[in-house]
Structures are given as C-alpha cells and as structure tokens.
Amino acid sequence: MMIRKHYWFSGRVQGVGFRYHAYYIAQSLGVTGWVRNNWDDRVEMEAQGTREDLAQMVEMLNAQRYIYIESIQDKIIPLEEENSFCII
C-alpha cells in the first residue's frame, strides 16, 4: 500500500550531502517526492512509496557517514500523482 509522508529532519542535515543522498536512495527504492533545505537549518522532504520503502529510506539516510539526524517530525499526507523524486 502506497503512502506519502511529509518530513522535517533536524541535526547535522545541511551541508553534508543529505539532499543528494535522499535523491539517490529514492531512485534506488522507487520512491517519489522531493527534498529541500529550509531556512531554519532543517531539511524538509515529501516522500511517497510503501511504508517499508519510506522506513528504509530514512534508515539509509541516517546511516550516511556525515549525516546525523537528531530528530524527525513526520505526518502522513494525501498521495500525489508523480513519477520522480527531485531536489528543490
């Protein structure tokens, strides 16, 4: 079953390749959505896929060498029609 989540990541998440890792991980898992840096030093992301794929994506992001996620806020939001993941 497909779901879509809106995320806010805090910690060492800007200037460490977070958005590029998110892009490549999403491509490998078939996840769609977008990711961007926020003005408040957080990274914001919407991702759509199976619950398992989204959990794996977050796990893979947290396993990256220079990324340190201190906290994650997320909520389930309505699905969207899209076919790619992009950095905005």
Protein backbone atom coordinates (compact mmCIF):
# COMPACT_ATOMS: atom_id res chain seq x y z
CA MET A 1 0.00 0.00 0.00
CA MET A 2 1.35 3.40 -1.00
CA ILE A 3 1.59 6.25 1.49
CA ARG A 4 3.03 9.77 1.38
CA LYS A 5 4.82 11.42 4.29
CA HIS A 6 5.97 14.95 4.93
CA TYR A 7 9.21 15.01 6.94
CA TRP A 8 11.27 17.61 8.79
CA PHE A 9 14.78 16.44 9.71
CA SER A 10 16.88 18.22 12.35
CA GLY A 11 20.52 17.72 13.26
CA ARG A 12 23.58 17.76 11.02
CA VAL A 13 21.50 17.64 7.85
CA GLN A 14 22.63 20.66 5.81
CA GLY A 15 25.99 20.88 4.06
CA VAL A 16 26.55 17.12 4.33
CA GLY A 17 25.00 15.86 1.07
CA PHE A 18 21.64 14.99 2.63
CA ARG A 19 19.56 16.07 -0.39
CA TYR A 20 21.78 14.23 -2.88
CA HIS A 21 21.77 11.06 -0.80
CA ALA A 22 17.98 11.34 -0.49
CA TYR A 23 17.72 11.66 -4.28
CA TYR A 24 19.88 8.60 -4.99
CA ILE A 25 18.24 6.50 -2.27
CA ALA A 26 14.78 7.42 -3.57
CA GLN A 27 15.83 6.45 -7.10
CA SER A 28 17.10 3.07 -5.90
CA LEU A 29 13.90 2.34 -3.93
CA GLY A 30 11.40 3.72 -6.48
CA VAL A 31 10.24 6.42 -4.05
CA THR A 32 8.82 9.67 -5.47
CA GLY A 33 8.64 13.15 -3.97
CA TRP A 34 11.02 16.00 -3.22
CA VAL A 35 13.60 17.28 -0.74
CA ARG A 36 14.85 20.79 0.10
CA ASN A 37 16.84 22.74 2.67
CA ASN A 38 14.87 25.06 4.95
CA TRP A 39 15.97 28.44 6.29
CA ASP A 40 15.87 27.07 9.89
CA ASP A 41 18.71 24.53 9.26
CA ARG A 42 16.25 21.66 8.88
CA VAL A 43 15.69 19.58 5.75
CA GLU A 44 12.12 19.15 4.54
CA MET A 45 11.05 16.19 2.42
CA GLU A 46 7.93 14.63 1.00
CA ALA A 47 8.26 11.01 0.01
CA GLN A 48 5.78 8.57 -1.47
CA GLY A 49 6.13 4.80 -1.55
CA THR A 50 5.35 1.79 0.58
CA ARG A 51 5.65 2.15 4.35
CA GLU A 52 8.62 -0.23 4.20
CA ASP A 53 10.38 1.77 1.45
CA LEU A 54 9.97 5.03 3.37
CA ALA A 55 11.30 3.45 6.57
CA GLN A 56 14.26 2.02 4.65
CA MET A 57 14.94 5.40 3.05
CA VAL A 58 15.14 7.14 6.45
CA GLU A 59 17.32 4.32 7.80
CA MET A 60 19.68 4.61 4.82
CA LEU A 61 19.88 8.39 5.20
CA ASN A 62 20.75 8.06 8.87
CA ALA A 63 23.48 5.54 8.00
CA GLN A 64 25.37 8.02 5.80
CA ARG A 65 28.79 8.99 7.08
CA TYR A 66 28.38 12.75 7.63
CA ILE A 67 24.64 12.93 8.24
CA TYR A 68 23.41 12.94 11.83
CA ILE A 69 19.64 13.08 12.28
CA GLU A 70 18.77 14.29 15.79
CA SER A 71 15.02 14.32 15.33
CA ILE A 72 12.38 13.63 12.72
CA GLN A 73 8.90 15.09 12.59
CA ASP A 74 6.63 13.42 10.08
CA LYS A 75 3.00 13.14 9.16
CA ILE A 76 1.05 11.16 6.60
CA ILE A 77 -0.41 13.35 3.86
CA PRO A 78 -2.56 12.64 0.77
CA LEU A 79 -0.99 10.78 -2.15
CA GLU A 80 0.02 12.76 -5.23
CA GLU A 81 0.38 11.75 -8.86
CA GLU A 82 4.07 11.94 -9.69
CA ASN A 83 6.75 9.74 -11.17
CA SER A 84 10.07 11.08 -9.89
CA PHE A 85 11.98 12.40 -6.88
CA CYS A 86 13.64 15.80 -7.12
CA ILE A 87 15.75 18.27 -5.21
CA ILE A 88 14.09 21.68 -4.97
